[in-house]
Amino acid sequence: DDFKWYLDLRKYGSVPHSGFGLGIERLVSWICGLPHIRETIPFPRTLTRLEP
């Protein structure tokens, strides 16, 4: 169990935080001024393509 220490730590809760994470897709969408985030996803899922 490489992550036993982490799971034990999280058993008692977490530190207060805002839960904010921008993400690379949202950043690119904002910089490029794109109207929707789906235009920045590098490997979009479609009905004919379910794997990258």
N, C-alpha and C. Protein backbone atom coordinates (compact mmCIF):
# COMPACT_ATOMS: atom_id res chain seq x y z
N ASP A 1 0.82 -1.18 0.00
CA ASP A 1 0.00 0.00 0.00
C ASP A 1 0.87 1.26 0.00
N ASP A 2 1.18 1.73 -1.18
CA ASP A 2 2.00 2.94 -1.30
C ASP A 2 1.26 4.18 -0.81
N PHE A 3 -0.06 4.15 -0.85
CA PHE A 3 -0.85 5.33 -0.49
C PHE A 3 -1.57 5.18 0.84
N LYS A 4 -1.13 4.21 1.65
CA LYS A 4 -1.78 4.00 2.95
C LYS A 4 -1.67 5.24 3.83
N TRP A 5 -0.52 5.89 3.82
CA TRP A 5 -0.34 7.10 4.63
C TRP A 5 -1.30 8.20 4.19
N TYR A 6 -1.55 8.29 2.87
CA TYR A 6 -2.44 9.33 2.37
C TYR A 6 -3.89 9.02 2.73
N LEU A 7 -4.29 7.77 2.58
CA LEU A 7 -5.65 7.39 2.93
C LEU A 7 -5.90 7.56 4.42
N ASP A 8 -4.90 7.26 5.23
CA ASP A 8 -5.02 7.44 6.68
C ASP A 8 -5.14 8.93 7.02
N LEU A 9 -4.41 9.75 6.31
CA LEU A 9 -4.47 11.20 6.52
C LEU A 9 -5.84 11.76 6.16
N ARG A 10 -6.41 11.30 5.06
CA ARG A 10 -7.71 11.79 4.59
C ARG A 10 -8.88 11.23 5.40
N LYS A 11 -8.63 10.23 6.19
CA LYS A 11 -9.68 9.65 7.02
C LYS A 11 -10.23 10.67 8.01
N TYR A 12 -9.39 11.61 8.39
CA TYR A 12 -9.75 12.62 9.39
C TYR A 12 -10.17 13.95 8.77
N GLY A 13 -10.33 13.98 7.46
CA GLY A 13 -10.77 15.21 6.81
C GLY A 13 -9.63 15.90 6.09
N SER A 14 -9.94 17.02 5.53
CA SER A 14 -8.98 17.79 4.76
C SER A 14 -8.92 19.22 5.29
N VAL A 15 -7.93 19.93 4.86
CA VAL A 15 -7.81 21.33 5.25
C VAL A 15 -8.83 22.15 4.47
N PRO A 16 -9.32 23.25 5.03
CA PRO A 16 -10.26 24.09 4.29
C PRO A 16 -9.60 24.69 3.04
N HIS A 17 -10.28 24.61 1.93
CA HIS A 17 -9.77 25.19 0.70
C HIS A 17 -10.95 25.59 -0.17
N SER A 18 -10.68 26.37 -1.19
CA SER A 18 -11.75 26.87 -2.04
C SER A 18 -12.16 25.87 -3.11
N GLY A 19 -11.31 24.88 -3.38
CA GLY A 19 -11.64 23.89 -4.39
C GLY A 19 -11.53 24.41 -5.82
N PHE A 20 -10.70 25.42 -6.03
CA PHE A 20 -10.58 26.03 -7.35
C PHE A 20 -9.43 25.39 -8.12
N GLY A 21 -9.71 24.97 -9.32
CA GLY A 21 -8.68 24.47 -10.22
C GLY A 21 -9.03 24.92 -11.63
N LEU A 22 -8.18 25.72 -12.24
CA LEU A 22 -8.51 26.30 -13.54
C LEU A 22 -8.53 25.25 -14.64
N GLY A 23 -7.53 24.42 -14.74
CA GLY A 23 -7.47 23.42 -15.79
C GLY A 23 -6.93 23.99 -17.08
N ILE A 24 -6.18 23.18 -17.80
CA ILE A 24 -5.54 23.66 -19.03
C ILE A 24 -6.57 23.98 -20.11
N GLU A 25 -7.65 23.18 -20.19
CA GLU A 25 -8.66 23.44 -21.21
C GLU A 25 -9.35 24.78 -20.98
N ARG A 26 -9.68 25.08 -19.74
CA ARG A 26 -10.33 26.36 -19.44
C ARG A 26 -9.39 27.53 -19.69
N LEU A 27 -8.11 27.35 -19.36
CA LEU A 27 -7.13 28.40 -19.60
C LEU A 27 -6.99 28.68 -21.10
N VAL A 28 -6.86 27.64 -21.90
CA VAL A 28 -6.74 27.81 -23.35
C VAL A 28 -8.01 28.44 -23.93
N SER A 29 -9.16 28.01 -23.44
CA SER A 29 -10.43 28.59 -23.89
C SER A 29 -10.50 30.08 -23.59
N TRP A 30 -10.04 30.46 -22.41
CA TRP A 30 -10.06 31.87 -22.01
C TRP A 30 -9.06 32.70 -22.83
N ILE A 31 -7.84 32.18 -23.01
CA ILE A 31 -6.81 32.91 -23.76
C ILE A 31 -7.22 33.09 -25.22
N CYS A 32 -7.77 32.04 -25.82
CA CYS A 32 -8.13 32.09 -27.24
C CYS A 32 -9.50 32.72 -27.49
N GLY A 33 -10.25 32.96 -26.42
CA GLY A 33 -11.57 33.55 -26.58
C GLY A 33 -12.58 32.63 -27.24
N LEU A 34 -12.44 31.34 -27.00
CA LEU A 34 -13.35 30.37 -27.61
C LEU A 34 -14.68 30.36 -26.86
N PRO A 35 -15.78 30.16 -27.58
CA PRO A 35 -17.09 30.23 -26.94
C PRO A 35 -17.43 29.03 -26.05
N HIS A 36 -16.82 27.86 -26.32
CA HIS A 36 -17.17 26.67 -25.54
C HIS A 36 -15.90 25.87 -25.24
N ILE A 37 -15.85 25.28 -24.06
CA ILE A 37 -14.66 24.54 -23.63
C ILE A 37 -14.43 23.29 -24.48
N ARG A 38 -15.47 22.75 -25.08
CA ARG A 38 -15.31 21.52 -25.87
C ARG A 38 -14.40 21.73 -27.08
N GLU A 39 -14.20 22.97 -27.49
CA GLU A 39 -13.32 23.26 -28.62
C GLU A 39 -11.85 23.20 -28.24
N THR A 40 -11.54 23.08 -26.95
CA THR A 40 -10.15 23.02 -26.51
C THR A 40 -9.74 21.64 -26.02
N ILE A 41 -10.66 20.70 -25.96
CA ILE A 41 -10.34 19.36 -25.45
C ILE A 41 -9.46 18.65 -26.48
N PRO A 42 -8.27 18.16 -26.08
CA PRO A 42 -7.34 17.57 -27.06
C PRO A 42 -7.82 16.25 -27.65
N PHE A 43 -8.52 15.43 -26.88
CA PHE A 43 -9.01 14.15 -27.37
C PHE A 43 -10.50 14.03 -27.07
N PRO A 44 -11.35 14.71 -27.85
CA PRO A 44 -12.79 14.68 -27.55
C PRO A 44 -13.40 13.31 -27.80
N ARG A 45 -14.41 12.98 -27.02
CA ARG A 45 -15.14 11.73 -27.19
C ARG A 45 -16.32 11.97 -28.12
N THR A 46 -16.45 11.13 -29.11
CA THR A 46 -17.60 11.19 -30.00
C THR A 46 -18.22 9.80 -30.07
N LEU A 47 -19.32 9.68 -30.79
CA LEU A 47 -19.97 8.38 -30.90
C LEU A 47 -19.11 7.37 -31.65
N THR A 48 -18.29 7.84 -32.57
CA THR A 48 -17.45 6.93 -33.35
C THR A 48 -16.05 6.77 -32.77
N ARG A 49 -15.69 7.60 -31.82
CA ARG A 49 -14.34 7.54 -31.25
C ARG A 49 -14.44 7.59 -29.74
N LEU A 50 -14.27 6.45 -29.10
CA LEU A 50 -14.40 6.36 -27.65
C LEU A 50 -13.05 6.29 -26.94
N GLU A 51 -11.97 6.16 -27.69
CA GLU A 51 -10.63 6.09 -27.11
C GLU A 51 -9.75 7.15 -27.76
N PRO A 52 -8.71 7.62 -27.05
CA PRO A 52 -7.82 8.64 -27.65
C PRO A 52 -7.05 8.14 -28.85
